[in-house]
Amino acid sequence: MERPYTRYEKTRIISARALQIAQGAPVLIKLSREMSDPMKIALIEWEAGVIPIDIKREAA
């Protein structure tokens, strides 16, 4: 069973996804035409659980 993400991991994942979106990566959820802020889109994707980024942790 995976541990939940720390706040630092969550921030890193959302920031990396926002950068991808800003650079033209396809958005993974349906949005209205007015939605254009990459950070808000990344947050919505995070809440929907569709961001294809994972954290590789060292074994403790």
N, C-alpha and C. Protein backbone atom coordinates (compact mmCIF):
# COMPACT_ATOMS: atom_id res chain seq x y z
N MET A 1 0.84 -1.19 0.00
CA MET A 1 0.00 0.00 0.00
C MET A 1 0.88 1.25 0.00
N GLU A 2 0.57 2.19 -0.87
CA GLU A 2 1.32 3.43 -1.00
C GLU A 2 0.99 4.39 0.12
N ARG A 3 2.02 5.08 0.61
CA ARG A 3 1.77 6.16 1.55
C ARG A 3 1.17 7.34 0.79
N PRO A 4 0.43 8.17 1.47
CA PRO A 4 -0.08 9.37 0.80
C PRO A 4 1.09 10.31 0.47
N TYR A 5 0.90 11.16 -0.52
CA TYR A 5 1.94 12.11 -0.89
C TYR A 5 2.12 13.15 0.19
N THR A 6 3.37 13.58 0.40
CA THR A 6 3.62 14.70 1.32
C THR A 6 3.21 15.98 0.61
N ARG A 7 3.12 17.06 1.35
CA ARG A 7 2.73 18.33 0.72
C ARG A 7 3.78 18.79 -0.29
N TYR A 8 5.04 18.41 -0.07
CA TYR A 8 6.10 18.78 -1.00
C TYR A 8 6.00 17.98 -2.30
N GLU A 9 5.69 16.70 -2.18
CA GLU A 9 5.50 15.87 -3.36
C GLU A 9 4.29 16.34 -4.16
N LYS A 10 3.22 16.63 -3.47
CA LYS A 10 2.01 17.12 -4.13
C LYS A 10 2.30 18.41 -4.89
N THR A 11 3.00 19.34 -4.25
CA THR A 11 3.36 20.60 -4.89
C THR A 11 4.22 20.37 -6.12
N ARG A 12 5.18 19.47 -6.01
CA ARG A 12 6.08 19.18 -7.13
C ARG A 12 5.33 18.57 -8.31
N ILE A 13 4.42 17.65 -8.03
CA ILE A 13 3.64 17.00 -9.09
C ILE A 13 2.75 18.02 -9.80
N ILE A 14 2.03 18.82 -9.03
CA ILE A 14 1.12 19.81 -9.62
C ILE A 14 1.91 20.85 -10.41
N SER A 15 3.05 21.30 -9.88
CA SER A 15 3.87 22.28 -10.58
C SER A 15 4.42 21.72 -11.89
N ALA A 16 4.89 20.48 -11.85
CA ALA A 16 5.43 19.86 -13.06
C ALA A 16 4.33 19.71 -14.12
N ARG A 17 3.14 19.33 -13.69
CA ARG A 17 2.03 19.18 -14.63
C ARG A 17 1.62 20.54 -15.20
N ALA A 18 1.61 21.58 -14.37
CA ALA A 18 1.27 22.92 -14.86
C ALA A 18 2.28 23.38 -15.91
N LEU A 19 3.55 23.08 -15.70
CA LEU A 19 4.58 23.42 -16.68
C LEU A 19 4.35 22.68 -17.99
N GLN A 20 4.01 21.40 -17.90
CA GLN A 20 3.71 20.62 -19.11
C GLN A 20 2.55 21.24 -19.88
N ILE A 21 1.49 21.60 -19.17
CA ILE A 21 0.31 22.20 -19.80
C ILE A 21 0.68 23.53 -20.45
N ALA A 22 1.48 24.34 -19.75
CA ALA A 22 1.89 25.64 -20.28
C ALA A 22 2.72 25.49 -21.56
N GLN A 23 3.42 24.37 -21.68
CA GLN A 23 4.25 24.13 -22.86
C GLN A 23 3.51 23.38 -23.95
N GLY A 24 2.20 23.19 -23.79
CA GLY A 24 1.39 22.64 -24.86
C GLY A 24 0.97 21.19 -24.72
N ALA A 25 1.20 20.57 -23.58
CA ALA A 25 0.76 19.18 -23.38
C ALA A 25 -0.76 19.12 -23.40
N PRO A 26 -1.33 18.02 -23.89
CA PRO A 26 -2.79 17.91 -23.90
C PRO A 26 -3.37 17.86 -22.49
N VAL A 27 -4.50 18.49 -22.32
CA VAL A 27 -5.20 18.49 -21.04
C VAL A 27 -5.98 17.19 -20.93
N LEU A 28 -5.97 16.57 -19.75
CA LEU A 28 -6.55 15.24 -19.57
C LEU A 28 -7.99 15.24 -19.08
N ILE A 29 -8.58 16.42 -18.95
CA ILE A 29 -9.97 16.52 -18.50
C ILE A 29 -10.72 17.49 -19.40
N LYS A 30 -12.03 17.41 -19.39
CA LYS A 30 -12.86 18.34 -20.16
C LYS A 30 -12.92 19.67 -19.41
N LEU A 31 -12.69 20.76 -20.15
CA LEU A 31 -12.72 22.10 -19.56
C LEU A 31 -13.57 23.03 -20.41
N SER A 32 -14.01 24.11 -19.79
CA SER A 32 -14.69 25.14 -20.56
C SER A 32 -13.64 25.95 -21.32
N ARG A 33 -14.06 26.65 -22.34
CA ARG A 33 -13.15 27.45 -23.17
C ARG A 33 -12.44 28.55 -22.37
N GLU A 34 -13.09 29.08 -21.34
CA GLU A 34 -12.52 30.18 -20.58
C GLU A 34 -11.34 29.76 -19.71
N MET A 35 -11.26 28.48 -19.37
CA MET A 35 -10.22 27.99 -18.47
C MET A 35 -8.89 27.93 -19.23
N SER A 36 -7.94 28.80 -18.87
CA SER A 36 -6.66 28.81 -19.58
C SER A 36 -5.46 28.87 -18.65
N ASP A 37 -5.67 28.98 -17.34
CA ASP A 37 -4.56 29.05 -16.40
C ASP A 37 -4.01 27.64 -16.15
N PRO A 38 -2.75 27.37 -16.53
CA PRO A 38 -2.19 26.03 -16.38
C PRO A 38 -2.20 25.52 -14.93
N MET A 39 -1.97 26.42 -13.97
CA MET A 39 -1.95 26.00 -12.57
C MET A 39 -3.33 25.53 -12.11
N LYS A 40 -4.38 26.26 -12.49
CA LYS A 40 -5.74 25.87 -12.12
C LYS A 40 -6.12 24.55 -12.80
N ILE A 41 -5.71 24.40 -14.05
CA ILE A 41 -6.01 23.16 -14.77
C ILE A 41 -5.30 21.99 -14.09
N ALA A 42 -4.03 22.18 -13.70
CA ALA A 42 -3.29 21.12 -13.02
C ALA A 42 -3.94 20.76 -11.69
N LEU A 43 -4.44 21.75 -10.96
CA LEU A 43 -5.12 21.48 -9.69
C LEU A 43 -6.40 20.67 -9.91
N ILE A 44 -7.14 21.01 -10.96
CA ILE A 44 -8.36 20.27 -11.27
C ILE A 44 -8.01 18.83 -11.65
N GLU A 45 -6.94 18.66 -12.43
CA GLU A 45 -6.50 17.30 -12.79
C GLU A 45 -6.07 16.53 -11.55
N TRP A 46 -5.40 17.19 -10.60
CA TRP A 46 -4.98 16.54 -9.36
C TRP A 46 -6.21 16.04 -8.58
N GLU A 47 -7.20 16.90 -8.46
CA GLU A 47 -8.41 16.53 -7.72
C GLU A 47 -9.16 15.39 -8.41
N ALA A 48 -9.06 15.33 -9.74
CA ALA A 48 -9.70 14.25 -10.49
C ALA A 48 -8.86 12.97 -10.48
N GLY A 49 -7.61 13.07 -10.06
CA GLY A 49 -6.74 11.90 -9.98
C GLY A 49 -6.24 11.40 -11.33
N VAL A 50 -6.05 12.29 -12.29
CA VAL A 50 -5.66 11.86 -13.63
C VAL A 50 -4.25 12.30 -14.03
N ILE A 51 -3.50 12.90 -13.14
CA ILE A 51 -2.14 13.34 -13.49
C ILE A 51 -1.24 12.11 -13.62
N PRO A 52 -0.59 11.95 -14.78
CA PRO A 52 0.23 10.76 -15.03
C PRO A 52 1.67 10.91 -14.53
N ILE A 53 1.85 11.45 -13.34
CA ILE A 53 3.18 11.64 -12.75
C ILE A 53 3.18 10.92 -11.41
N ASP A 54 4.29 10.26 -11.11
CA ASP A 54 4.40 9.55 -9.84
C ASP A 54 5.74 9.88 -9.20
N ILE A 55 5.86 9.62 -7.92
CA ILE A 55 7.08 9.86 -7.17
C ILE A 55 7.76 8.53 -6.90
N LYS A 56 9.05 8.47 -7.18
CA LYS A 56 9.82 7.27 -6.87
C LYS A 56 10.52 7.52 -5.55
N ARG A 57 10.19 6.71 -4.55
CA ARG A 57 10.77 6.87 -3.21
C ARG A 57 11.78 5.77 -2.95
N GLU A 58 12.78 6.11 -2.15
CA GLU A 58 13.74 5.10 -1.73
C GLU A 58 13.11 4.28 -0.61
N ALA A 59 13.46 3.01 -0.54
CA ALA A 59 12.93 2.15 0.52
C ALA A 59 13.49 2.59 1.86
N ALA A 60 12.63 2.67 2.85
CA ALA A 60 13.06 3.13 4.17
C ALA A 60 13.58 1.99 5.01
